[in-house]
Amino acid sequence: MNISEAKKISIVEYLKQIGYSPVKIRNGQYWYLSPLREETTPSFKVNERLGEWYDFGIAEGGDLIELGKHLYRTGDVSAVLSMIEHNCEALSRMQKQAAFLQPRSVEDDMTDLRVMPLGHHALLSYLQSRCVDIGIAQTFCKEIHYTLRRKEYFAIAFPNVSGGYEVRNPYYKGCIKNKDVSVICHTYGETQKHICVFEGFMDYLSYMTMRRKGNTCICVDGRIDVLVMNSVANLRKSLEYLSKYEEIHCYLDNDLAGQKTVETFVGMFGETVKDESGKYAEYKDLNDLLLERKRQTI
């Protein structure tokens, strides 16, 4: 089998042959529990028409050959082609890839968690270095202290809908307790016409800082609800909140993961999705725009 022949093989059919079935199919997009890692919410997408896959959990994708490199853990194209050919010929011997062993995370070792109003001078100084308005940060964020391997630490904490916190300080970025999206409604019990979607809470704080400064070129005029994904790996969870809005404004990163996420939203919700990333095309994200730190061009 050569490269040209391999690229003609349906990724959906190949996954079926090695033991993977889609959890959901919508608008020509097949959603799977990722064959590359353990997960409970499907975030591995295959576009059958284009012959492409994308895994939101690792922010990588491509054609069947690229998938084979990940599945069989090799960059040797000849070896990948050999495995694809073998599996295509062995239809009666469907085998699932062994699940990855997950190492113990840093968060598992955190103890003595204490949440309080945001006020530590070191954290406020960090926010100022990111040009984020302190008053806005104190409105939407908390301060969390914890013990890790007998040492005391603290960080900015942004709550999500499952009772967990996205946490960040100058040296650490992660999640404590449950990983999930964050939803902020303008008015309790009332859905607005517009919702703005952000990849991380620093982008949201940057947006609100620009809004307070009167930046109408970037910000949506009027009342909005907000969804912070806290990771593009939360794409499936994000979809559950968006269908009720007349306009979905996406302020995601200017990278492949952000692009693929917006493409998925468009595939699900059509013209209601507005990709706002073009307004800061010279920057990686909204915080870089706030910092006036343009992307380096090669």
C-alpha atoms as a PDB file:
ATOM      1  CA  MET A   1       0.000   0.000   0.000  1.00  0.00           C
ATOM      2  CA  ASN A   2       1.274   3.484  -0.852  1.00  0.00           C
ATOM      3  CA  ILE A   3       0.354   6.931   0.507  1.00  0.00           C
ATOM      4  CA  SER A   4      -2.115   7.691  -2.265  1.00  0.00           C
ATOM      5  CA  GLU A   5      -3.977   4.422  -1.669  1.00  0.00           C
ATOM      6  CA  ALA A   6      -4.081   4.964   2.094  1.00  0.00           C
ATOM      7  CA  LYS A   7      -5.574   8.444   1.723  1.00  0.00           C
ATOM      8  CA  LYS A   8      -8.484   6.986  -0.244  1.00  0.00           C
ATOM      9  CA  ILE A   9      -9.563   4.878   2.732  1.00  0.00           C
ATOM     10  CA  SER A  10     -12.456   6.257   4.769  1.00  0.00           C
ATOM     11  CA  ILE A  11     -11.293   7.183   8.275  1.00  0.00           C
ATOM     12  CA  VAL A  12     -14.753   6.269   9.582  1.00  0.00           C
ATOM     13  CA  GLU A  13     -14.529   2.814   8.024  1.00  0.00           C
ATOM     14  CA  TYR A  14     -10.981   2.313   9.244  1.00  0.00           C
ATOM     15  CA  LEU A  15     -11.938   3.202  12.810  1.00  0.00           C
ATOM     16  CA  LYS A  16     -14.831   0.755  12.533  1.00  0.00           C
ATOM     17  CA  GLN A  17     -12.447  -1.976  11.417  1.00  0.00           C
ATOM     18  CA  ILE A  18     -10.173  -1.502  14.421  1.00  0.00           C
ATOM     19  CA  GLY A  19     -13.092  -1.402  16.849  1.00  0.00           C
ATOM     20  CA  TYR A  20     -14.250   2.205  17.232  1.00  0.00           C
ATOM     21  CA  SER A  21     -17.809   3.419  16.632  1.00  0.00           C
ATOM     22  CA  PRO A  22     -19.045   7.023  16.669  1.00  0.00           C
ATOM     23  CA  VAL A  23     -20.978   8.196  19.707  1.00  0.00           C
ATOM     24  CA  LYS A  24     -22.840  10.786  17.650  1.00  0.00           C
ATOM     25  CA  ILE A  25     -23.204  11.753  13.974  1.00  0.00           C
ATOM     26  CA  ARG A  26     -24.364  15.196  12.930  1.00  0.00           C
ATOM     27  CA  ASN A  27     -24.005  17.214   9.721  1.00  0.00           C
ATOM     28  CA  GLY A  28     -21.431  14.798   8.313  1.00  0.00           C
ATOM     29  CA  GLN A  29     -19.304  15.003  11.444  1.00  0.00           C
ATOM     30  CA  TYR A  30     -18.611  11.809  13.402  1.00  0.00           C
ATOM     31  CA  TRP A  31     -17.868  12.164  17.125  1.00  0.00           C
ATOM     32  CA  TYR A  32     -15.860   9.480  18.943  1.00  0.00           C
ATOM     33  CA  LEU A  33     -14.365   8.843  22.310  1.00  0.00           C
ATOM     34  CA  SER A  34     -10.766   9.479  21.354  1.00  0.00           C
ATOM     35  CA  PRO A  35      -8.828   6.369  20.279  1.00  0.00           C
ATOM     36  CA  LEU A  36      -5.642   8.194  21.326  1.00  0.00           C
ATOM     37  CA  ARG A  37      -6.360   8.674  25.041  1.00  0.00           C
ATOM     38  CA  GLU A  38      -8.883   7.997  27.790  1.00  0.00           C
ATOM     39  CA  GLU A  39     -11.950  10.239  28.014  1.00  0.00           C
ATOM     40  CA  THR A  40     -15.630  10.054  28.917  1.00  0.00           C
ATOM     41  CA  THR A  41     -16.939  12.840  26.665  1.00  0.00           C
ATOM     42  CA  PRO A  42     -16.391  12.486  22.898  1.00  0.00           C
ATOM     43  CA  SER A  43     -13.993  15.130  21.600  1.00  0.00           C
ATOM     44  CA  PHE A  44     -12.499  13.295  18.609  1.00  0.00           C
ATOM     45  CA  LYS A  45     -14.136  14.451  15.369  1.00  0.00           C
ATOM     46  CA  VAL A  46     -13.988  13.009  11.850  1.00  0.00           C
ATOM     47  CA  ASN A  47     -15.160  14.988   8.833  1.00  0.00           C
ATOM     48  CA  GLU A  48     -16.024  12.187   6.407  1.00  0.00           C
ATOM     49  CA  ARG A  49     -16.391  14.494   3.399  1.00  0.00           C
ATOM     50  CA  LEU A  50     -12.931  16.042   3.826  1.00  0.00           C
ATOM     51  CA  GLY A  51     -11.258  12.855   5.063  1.00  0.00           C
ATOM     52  CA  GLU A  52      -9.881  14.621   8.143  1.00  0.00           C
ATOM     53  CA  TRP A  53      -9.860  13.938  11.883  1.00  0.00           C
ATOM     54  CA  TYR A  54      -9.226  16.287  14.769  1.00  0.00           C
ATOM     55  CA  ASP A  55      -8.707  15.517  18.462  1.00  0.00           C
ATOM     56  CA  PHE A  56      -9.607  18.532  20.596  1.00  0.00           C
ATOM     57  CA  GLY A  57      -7.952  17.007  23.641  1.00  0.00           C
ATOM     58  CA  ILE A  58      -4.455  17.095  22.124  1.00  0.00           C
ATOM     59  CA  ALA A  59      -5.148  19.835  19.525  1.00  0.00           C
ATOM     60  CA  GLU A  60      -3.897  17.733  16.620  1.00  0.00           C
ATOM     61  CA  GLY A  61      -5.435  16.263  13.481  1.00  0.00           C
ATOM     62  CA  GLY A  62      -4.894  15.338   9.848  1.00  0.00           C
ATOM     63  CA  ASP A  63      -5.477  12.500   7.399  1.00  0.00           C
ATOM     64  CA  LEU A  64      -5.462   8.726   7.965  1.00  0.00           C
ATOM     65  CA  ILE A  65      -1.674   8.522   7.825  1.00  0.00           C
ATOM     66  CA  GLU A  66      -1.304  11.144  10.553  1.00  0.00           C
ATOM     67  CA  LEU A  67      -3.853   9.216  12.603  1.00  0.00           C
ATOM     68  CA  GLY A  68      -1.802   6.064  12.095  1.00  0.00           C
ATOM     69  CA  LYS A  69       1.303   7.796  13.427  1.00  0.00           C
ATOM     70  CA  HIS A  70      -0.554   8.539  16.671  1.00  0.00           C
ATOM     71  CA  LEU A  71      -2.275   5.162  16.887  1.00  0.00           C
ATOM     72  CA  TYR A  72       0.906   3.150  16.360  1.00  0.00           C
ATOM     73  CA  ARG A  73       3.284   5.638  17.987  1.00  0.00           C
ATOM     74  CA  THR A  74       5.714   5.912  15.128  1.00  0.00           C
ATOM     75  CA  GLY A  75       6.802   8.545  12.649  1.00  0.00           C
ATOM     76  CA  ASP A  76       7.836   5.856  10.175  1.00  0.00           C
ATOM     77  CA  VAL A  77       5.359   6.250   7.279  1.00  0.00           C
ATOM     78  CA  SER A  78       6.251   2.826   5.860  1.00  0.00           C
ATOM     79  CA  ALA A  79       5.413   1.189   9.173  1.00  0.00           C
ATOM     80  CA  VAL A  80       2.140   3.103   9.364  1.00  0.00           C
ATOM     81  CA  LEU A  81       1.178   2.046   5.830  1.00  0.00           C
ATOM     82  CA  SER A  82       1.969  -1.556   6.702  1.00  0.00           C
ATOM     83  CA  MET A  83      -0.288  -1.420   9.767  1.00  0.00           C
ATOM     84  CA  ILE A  84      -3.125   0.208   7.816  1.00  0.00           C
ATOM     85  CA  GLU A  85      -2.871  -2.431   5.115  1.00  0.00           C
ATOM     86  CA  HIS A  86      -2.798  -5.224   7.684  1.00  0.00           C
ATOM     87  CA  ASN A  87      -5.898  -3.941   9.463  1.00  0.00           C
ATOM     88  CA  CYS A  88      -7.782  -3.388   6.218  1.00  0.00           C
ATOM     89  CA  GLU A  89      -7.129  -7.000   5.244  1.00  0.00           C
ATOM     90  CA  ALA A  90      -7.970  -8.394   8.685  1.00  0.00           C
ATOM     91  CA  LEU A  91     -11.626  -7.335   8.911  1.00  0.00           C
ATOM     92  CA  SER A  92     -12.453 -10.190  11.261  1.00  0.00           C
ATOM     93  CA  ARG A  93      -9.706  -9.248  13.722  1.00  0.00           C
ATOM     94  CA  MET A  94     -10.832  -5.887  15.011  1.00  0.00           C
ATOM     95  CA  GLN A  95      -8.677  -4.767  17.902  1.00  0.00           C
ATOM     96  CA  LYS A  96      -8.846  -1.683  20.037  1.00  0.00           C
ATOM     97  CA  GLN A  97      -5.717   0.197  20.843  1.00  0.00           C
ATOM     98  CA  ALA A  98      -4.596  -0.315  24.435  1.00  0.00           C
ATOM     99  CA  ALA A  99      -5.735   2.534  26.666  1.00  0.00           C
ATOM    100  CA  PHE A 100      -3.028   4.940  27.759  1.00  0.00           C
ATOM    101  CA  LEU A 101      -1.906   4.676  31.374  1.00  0.00           C
ATOM    102  CA  GLN A 102      -2.672   8.008  32.977  1.00  0.00           C
ATOM    103  CA  PRO A 103       0.024   9.300  35.332  1.00  0.00           C
ATOM    104  CA  ARG A 104      -1.022  10.754  38.658  1.00  0.00           C
ATOM    105  CA  SER A 105      -1.712  14.458  38.156  1.00  0.00           C
ATOM    106  CA  VAL A 106      -0.327  17.298  40.257  1.00  0.00           C
ATOM    107  CA  GLU A 107      -3.892  18.179  41.266  1.00  0.00           C
ATOM    108  CA  ASP A 108      -4.329  14.769  42.919  1.00  0.00           C
ATOM    109  CA  ASP A 109      -1.678  15.738  45.479  1.00  0.00           C
ATOM    110  CA  MET A 110      -3.181  19.134  46.373  1.00  0.00           C
ATOM    111  CA  THR A 111      -4.647  19.338  49.883  1.00  0.00           C
ATOM    112  CA  ASP A 112      -6.018  21.915  52.343  1.00  0.00           C
ATOM    113  CA  LEU A 113      -7.845  23.945  49.691  1.00  0.00           C
ATOM    114  CA  ARG A 114      -9.041  27.369  50.844  1.00  0.00           C
ATOM    115  CA  VAL A 115     -11.005  29.764  48.621  1.00  0.00           C
ATOM    116  CA  MET A 116     -11.254  33.458  49.444  1.00  0.00           C
ATOM    117  CA  PRO A 117     -11.756  36.856  47.749  1.00  0.00           C
ATOM    118  CA  LEU A 118      -8.991  37.786  45.314  1.00  0.00           C
ATOM    119  CA  GLY A 119      -6.626  40.179  47.014  1.00  0.00           C
ATOM    120  CA  HIS A 120      -3.058  38.858  47.330  1.00  0.00           C
ATOM    121  CA  HIS A 121      -0.645  41.516  46.102  1.00  0.00           C
ATOM    122  CA  ALA A 122       1.421  39.010  44.076  1.00  0.00           C
ATOM    123  CA  LEU A 123      -1.647  37.845  42.152  1.00  0.00           C
ATOM    124  CA  LEU A 124      -2.864  41.399  41.586  1.00  0.00           C
ATOM    125  CA  SER A 125       0.606  42.311  40.341  1.00  0.00           C
ATOM    126  CA  TYR A 126       0.472  39.353  37.937  1.00  0.00           C
ATOM    127  CA  LEU A 127      -2.888  40.532  36.587  1.00  0.00           C
ATOM    128  CA  GLN A 128      -1.528  44.038  36.142  1.00  0.00           C
ATOM    129  CA  SER A 129       1.376  42.583  34.145  1.00  0.00           C
ATOM    130  CA  ARG A 130      -1.285  41.100  31.834  1.00  0.00           C
ATOM    131  CA  CYS A 131      -3.023  44.538  31.655  1.00  0.00           C
ATOM    132  CA  VAL A 132      -6.226  43.079  33.150  1.00  0.00           C
ATOM    133  CA  ASP A 133      -8.479  45.456  35.105  1.00  0.00           C
ATOM    134  CA  ILE A 134      -8.199  44.509  38.790  1.00  0.00           C
ATOM    135  CA  GLY A 135     -11.813  45.357  39.602  1.00  0.00           C
ATOM    136  CA  ILE A 136     -13.056  43.083  36.836  1.00  0.00           C
ATOM    137  CA  ALA A 137     -10.780  40.247  37.962  1.00  0.00           C
ATOM    138  CA  GLN A 138     -12.012  40.571  41.541  1.00  0.00           C
ATOM    139  CA  THR A 139     -15.618  40.435  40.325  1.00  0.00           C
ATOM    140  CA  PHE A 140     -15.263  37.139  38.459  1.00  0.00           C
ATOM    141  CA  CYS A 141     -12.314  35.405  40.145  1.00  0.00           C
ATOM    142  CA  LYS A 142     -11.360  34.073  43.554  1.00  0.00           C
ATOM    143  CA  GLU A 143      -8.091  33.375  45.290  1.00  0.00           C
ATOM    144  CA  ILE A 144      -7.238  29.790  46.205  1.00  0.00           C
ATOM    145  CA  HIS A 145      -4.588  28.513  48.598  1.00  0.00           C
ATOM    146  CA  TYR A 146      -3.463  24.896  48.732  1.00  0.00           C
ATOM    147  CA  THR A 147      -0.753  22.591  50.016  1.00  0.00           C
ATOM    148  CA  LEU A 148       1.302  20.556  47.574  1.00  0.00           C
ATOM    149  CA  ARG A 149       3.966  18.163  48.839  1.00  0.00           C
ATOM    150  CA  ARG A 150       4.249  20.030  52.160  1.00  0.00           C
ATOM    151  CA  LYS A 151       4.617  23.453  50.556  1.00  0.00           C
ATOM    152  CA  GLU A 152       2.045  26.273  50.488  1.00  0.00           C
ATOM    153  CA  TYR A 153       0.903  27.810  47.190  1.00  0.00           C
ATOM    154  CA  PHE A 154      -1.759  30.229  45.995  1.00  0.00           C
ATOM    155  CA  ALA A 155      -3.299  31.176  42.649  1.00  0.00           C
ATOM    156  CA  ILE A 156      -6.120  32.982  40.881  1.00  0.00           C
ATOM    157  CA  ALA A 157      -9.207  30.748  40.729  1.00  0.00           C
ATOM    158  CA  PHE A 158     -11.985  30.987  38.124  1.00  0.00           C
ATOM    159  CA  PRO A 159     -15.051  28.855  38.981  1.00  0.00           C
ATOM    160  CA  ASN A 160     -16.764  26.489  36.531  1.00  0.00           C
ATOM    161  CA  VAL A 161     -20.262  24.995  36.450  1.00  0.00           C
ATOM    162  CA  SER A 162     -19.211  21.742  38.178  1.00  0.00           C
ATOM    163  CA  GLY A 163     -17.744  23.326  41.296  1.00  0.00           C
ATOM    164  CA  GLY A 164     -14.171  23.165  40.038  1.00  0.00           C
ATOM    165  CA  TYR A 165     -11.691  25.978  39.478  1.00  0.00           C
ATOM    166  CA  GLU A 166      -9.388  26.937  36.659  1.00  0.00           C
ATOM    167  CA  VAL A 167      -6.293  28.143  38.478  1.00  0.00           C
ATOM    168  CA  ARG A 168      -3.385  30.253  37.360  1.00  0.00           C
ATOM    169  CA  ASN A 169      -0.398  32.089  38.711  1.00  0.00           C
ATOM    170  CA  PRO A 170       2.838  33.129  36.983  1.00  0.00           C
ATOM    171  CA  TYR A 171       4.221  29.586  37.333  1.00  0.00           C
ATOM    172  CA  TYR A 172       1.254  27.241  37.102  1.00  0.00           C
ATOM    173  CA  LYS A 173      -1.853  26.738  34.972  1.00  0.00           C
ATOM    174  CA  GLY A 174      -4.312  23.933  35.665  1.00  0.00           C
ATOM    175  CA  CYS A 175      -7.638  22.852  37.142  1.00  0.00           C
ATOM    176  CA  ILE A 176      -8.598  21.908  40.692  1.00  0.00           C
ATOM    177  CA  LYS A 177     -11.492  19.511  41.242  1.00  0.00           C
ATOM    178  CA  ASN A 178     -13.806  19.008  38.251  1.00  0.00           C
ATOM    179  CA  LYS A 179     -12.875  20.189  34.743  1.00  0.00           C
ATOM    180  CA  ASP A 180     -15.796  21.938  33.026  1.00  0.00           C
ATOM    181  CA  VAL A 181     -16.966  25.057  31.225  1.00  0.00           C
ATOM    182  CA  SER A 182     -17.864  28.329  32.962  1.00  0.00           C
ATOM    183  CA  VAL A 183     -21.124  30.129  32.170  1.00  0.00           C
ATOM    184  CA  ILE A 184     -21.847  33.724  33.173  1.00  0.00           C
ATOM    185  CA  CYS A 185     -25.383  35.004  32.552  1.00  0.00           C
ATOM    186  CA  HIS A 186     -26.045  38.717  32.304  1.00  0.00           C
ATOM    187  CA  THR A 187     -29.363  38.269  34.118  1.00  0.00           C
ATOM    188  CA  TYR A 188     -30.241  35.266  36.260  1.00  0.00           C
ATOM    189  CA  GLY A 189     -32.992  33.155  34.683  1.00  0.00           C
ATOM    190  CA  GLU A 190     -32.968  35.141  31.428  1.00  0.00           C
ATOM    191  CA  THR A 191     -31.252  34.193  28.164  1.00  0.00           C
ATOM    192  CA  GLN A 192     -29.797  37.021  26.093  1.00  0.00           C
ATOM    193  CA  LYS A 193     -29.804  37.081  22.280  1.00  0.00           C
ATOM    194  CA  HIS A 194     -25.998  37.075  22.143  1.00  0.00           C
ATOM    195  CA  ILE A 195     -23.396  34.857  23.769  1.00  0.00           C
ATOM    196  CA  CYS A 196     -19.626  35.336  23.617  1.00  0.00           C
ATOM    197  CA  VAL A 197     -17.406  32.247  23.698  1.00  0.00           C
ATOM    198  CA  PHE A 198     -13.841  32.356  25.034  1.00  0.00           C
ATOM    199  CA  GLU A 199     -11.188  29.663  25.223  1.00  0.00           C
ATOM    200  CA  GLY A 200      -9.816  30.633  28.635  1.00  0.00           C
ATOM    201  CA  PHE A 201     -10.701  32.970  31.467  1.00  0.00           C
ATOM    202  CA  MET A 202      -7.742  35.286  30.820  1.00  0.00           C
ATOM    203  CA  ASP A 203      -9.255  35.969  27.388  1.00  0.00           C
ATOM    204  CA  TYR A 204     -12.588  36.744  29.053  1.00  0.00           C
ATOM    205  CA  LEU A 205     -10.990  39.120  31.574  1.00  0.00           C
ATOM    206  CA  SER A 206      -9.124  40.793  28.697  1.00  0.00           C
ATOM    207  CA  TYR A 207     -12.390  41.197  26.775  1.00  0.00           C
ATOM    208  CA  MET A 208     -14.136  42.741  29.782  1.00  0.00           C
ATOM    209  CA  THR A 209     -11.178  45.080  30.320  1.00  0.00           C
ATOM    210  CA  MET A 210     -11.429  46.264  26.708  1.00  0.00           C
ATOM    211  CA  ARG A 211     -15.190  46.607  27.047  1.00  0.00           C
ATOM    212  CA  ARG A 212     -14.760  48.818  30.110  1.00  0.00           C
ATOM    213  CA  LYS A 213     -12.355  50.967  28.077  1.00  0.00           C
ATOM    214  CA  GLY A 214     -15.063  51.387  25.418  1.00  0.00           C
ATOM    215  CA  ASN A 215     -13.466  49.253  22.682  1.00  0.00           C
ATOM    216  CA  THR A 216     -16.450  48.873  20.344  1.00  0.00           C
ATOM    217  CA  CYS A 217     -14.287  47.457  17.536  1.00  0.00           C
ATOM    218  CA  ILE A 218     -13.746  44.222  19.451  1.00  0.00           C
ATOM    219  CA  CYS A 219     -16.663  44.017  21.861  1.00  0.00           C
ATOM    220  CA  VAL A 220     -20.315  43.238  21.207  1.00  0.00           C
ATOM    221  CA  ASP A 221     -22.661  46.132  21.872  1.00  0.00           C
ATOM    222  CA  GLY A 222     -25.398  45.436  24.408  1.00  0.00           C
ATOM    223  CA  ARG A 223     -26.124  42.676  26.900  1.00  0.00           C
ATOM    224  CA  ILE A 224     -24.411  39.315  26.488  1.00  0.00           C
ATOM    225  CA  ASP A 225     -24.143  35.950  28.166  1.00  0.00           C
ATOM    226  CA  VAL A 226     -20.697  34.340  28.334  1.00  0.00           C
ATOM    227  CA  LEU A 227     -19.301  30.832  27.964  1.00  0.00           C
ATOM    228  CA  VAL A 228     -15.649  30.172  28.834  1.00  0.00           C
ATOM    229  CA  MET A 229     -14.604  26.768  27.489  1.00  0.00           C
ATOM    230  CA  ASN A 230     -11.587  26.479  29.811  1.00  0.00           C
ATOM    231  CA  SER A 231     -10.096  24.205  27.106  1.00  0.00           C
ATOM    232  CA  VAL A 232     -11.108  23.248  23.583  1.00  0.00           C
ATOM    233  CA  ALA A 233     -11.291  19.708  24.968  1.00  0.00           C
ATOM    234  CA  ASN A 234     -14.574  20.890  26.537  1.00  0.00           C
ATOM    235  CA  LEU A 235     -16.079  21.441  23.098  1.00  0.00           C
ATOM    236  CA  ARG A 236     -18.770  18.774  23.518  1.00  0.00           C
ATOM    237  CA  LYS A 237     -19.901  20.300  26.808  1.00  0.00           C
ATOM    238  CA  SER A 238     -19.906  23.764  25.236  1.00  0.00           C
ATOM    239  CA  LEU A 239     -22.294  22.713  22.487  1.00  0.00           C
ATOM    240  CA  GLU A 240     -24.992  21.947  25.053  1.00  0.00           C
ATOM    241  CA  TYR A 241     -25.267  25.625  26.023  1.00  0.00           C
ATOM    242  CA  LEU A 242     -25.194  27.357  22.622  1.00  0.00           C
ATOM    243  CA  SER A 243     -28.269  26.249  20.674  1.00  0.00           C
ATOM    244  CA  LYS A 244     -30.630  28.750  22.355  1.00  0.00           C
ATOM    245  CA  TYR A 245     -28.771  31.864  21.199  1.00  0.00           C
ATOM    246  CA  GLU A 246     -29.485  34.001  18.126  1.00  0.00           C
ATOM    247  CA  GLU A 247     -25.816  34.924  17.714  1.00  0.00           C
ATOM    248  CA  ILE A 248     -22.717  33.092  18.944  1.00  0.00           C
ATOM    249  CA  HIS A 249     -19.608  35.303  18.976  1.00  0.00           C
ATOM    250  CA  CYS A 250     -16.390  33.254  19.060  1.00  0.00           C
ATOM    251  CA  TYR A 251     -13.264  34.901  20.499  1.00  0.00           C
ATOM    252  CA  LEU A 252     -10.941  31.908  20.261  1.00  0.00           C
ATOM    253  CA  ASP A 253      -7.191  31.688  19.741  1.00  0.00           C
ATOM    254  CA  ASN A 254      -5.716  32.267  16.297  1.00  0.00           C
ATOM    255  CA  ASP A 255      -4.323  28.744  15.989  1.00  0.00           C
ATOM    256  CA  LEU A 256      -5.376  25.382  14.566  1.00  0.00           C
ATOM    257  CA  ALA A 257      -7.340  24.357  17.658  1.00  0.00           C
ATOM    258  CA  GLY A 258      -9.303  27.613  17.654  1.00  0.00           C
ATOM    259  CA  GLN A 259      -9.983  27.349  13.927  1.00  0.00           C
ATOM    260  CA  LYS A 260     -11.237  23.765  14.184  1.00  0.00           C
ATOM    261  CA  THR A 261     -13.436  24.635  17.140  1.00  0.00           C
ATOM    262  CA  VAL A 262     -15.116  27.461  15.247  1.00  0.00           C
ATOM    263  CA  GLU A 263     -15.567  25.191  12.225  1.00  0.00           C
ATOM    264  CA  THR A 264     -17.368  22.711  14.461  1.00  0.00           C
ATOM    265  CA  PHE A 265     -19.634  25.420  15.872  1.00  0.00           C
ATOM    266  CA  VAL A 266     -20.483  26.539  12.328  1.00  0.00           C
ATOM    267  CA  GLY A 267     -21.233  22.944  11.362  1.00  0.00           C
ATOM    268  CA  MET A 268     -23.655  22.682  14.278  1.00  0.00           C
ATOM    269  CA  PHE A 269     -25.258  26.123  14.335  1.00  0.00           C
ATOM    270  CA  GLY A 270     -24.646  27.615  10.895  1.00  0.00           C
ATOM    271  CA  GLU A 271     -24.898  31.367  10.342  1.00  0.00           C
ATOM    272  CA  THR A 272     -25.614  32.127  13.997  1.00  0.00           C
ATOM    273  CA  VAL A 273     -21.871  31.679  14.603  1.00  0.00           C
ATOM    274  CA  LYS A 274     -19.710  34.779  14.210  1.00  0.00           C
ATOM    275  CA  ASP A 275     -15.952  34.220  14.130  1.00  0.00           C
ATOM    276  CA  GLU A 276     -14.508  37.331  15.780  1.00  0.00           C
ATOM    277  CA  SER A 277     -10.868  36.204  15.635  1.00  0.00           C
ATOM    278  CA  GLY A 278     -10.282  38.193  12.451  1.00  0.00           C
ATOM    279  CA  LYS A 279     -10.547  41.363  14.521  1.00  0.00           C
ATOM    280  CA  TYR A 280      -7.265  40.413  16.221  1.00  0.00           C
ATOM    281  CA  ALA A 281      -5.686  38.397  13.410  1.00  0.00           C
ATOM    282  CA  GLU A 282      -2.216  39.796  14.149  1.00  0.00           C
ATOM    283  CA  TYR A 283      -2.364  38.448  17.686  1.00  0.00           C
ATOM    284  CA  LYS A 284      -2.559  34.948  19.144  1.00  0.00           C
ATOM    285  CA  ASP A 285      -5.406  35.783  21.510  1.00  0.00           C
ATOM    286  CA  LEU A 286      -7.273  38.610  23.225  1.00  0.00           C
ATOM    287  CA  ASN A 287      -4.746  39.027  26.004  1.00  0.00           C
ATOM    288  CA  ASP A 288      -1.943  39.469  23.481  1.00  0.00           C
ATOM    289  CA  LEU A 289      -4.119  42.108  21.821  1.00  0.00           C
ATOM    290  CA  LEU A 290      -4.556  43.852  25.174  1.00  0.00           C
ATOM    291  CA  LEU A 291      -0.779  43.682  25.667  1.00  0.00           C
ATOM    292  CA  GLU A 292      -0.222  44.828  22.057  1.00  0.00           C
ATOM    293  CA  ARG A 293       2.042  41.824  21.609  1.00  0.00           C
ATOM    294  CA  LYS A 294       1.788  40.779  17.973  1.00  0.00           C
ATOM    295  CA  ARG A 295       2.574  37.292  16.716  1.00  0.00           C
ATOM    296  CA  GLN A 296       6.022  36.797  15.247  1.00  0.00           C
ATOM    297  CA  THR A 297       6.031  36.164  11.523  1.00  0.00           C
ATOM    298  CA  ILE A 298       8.566  33.923   9.849  1.00  0.00           C
END
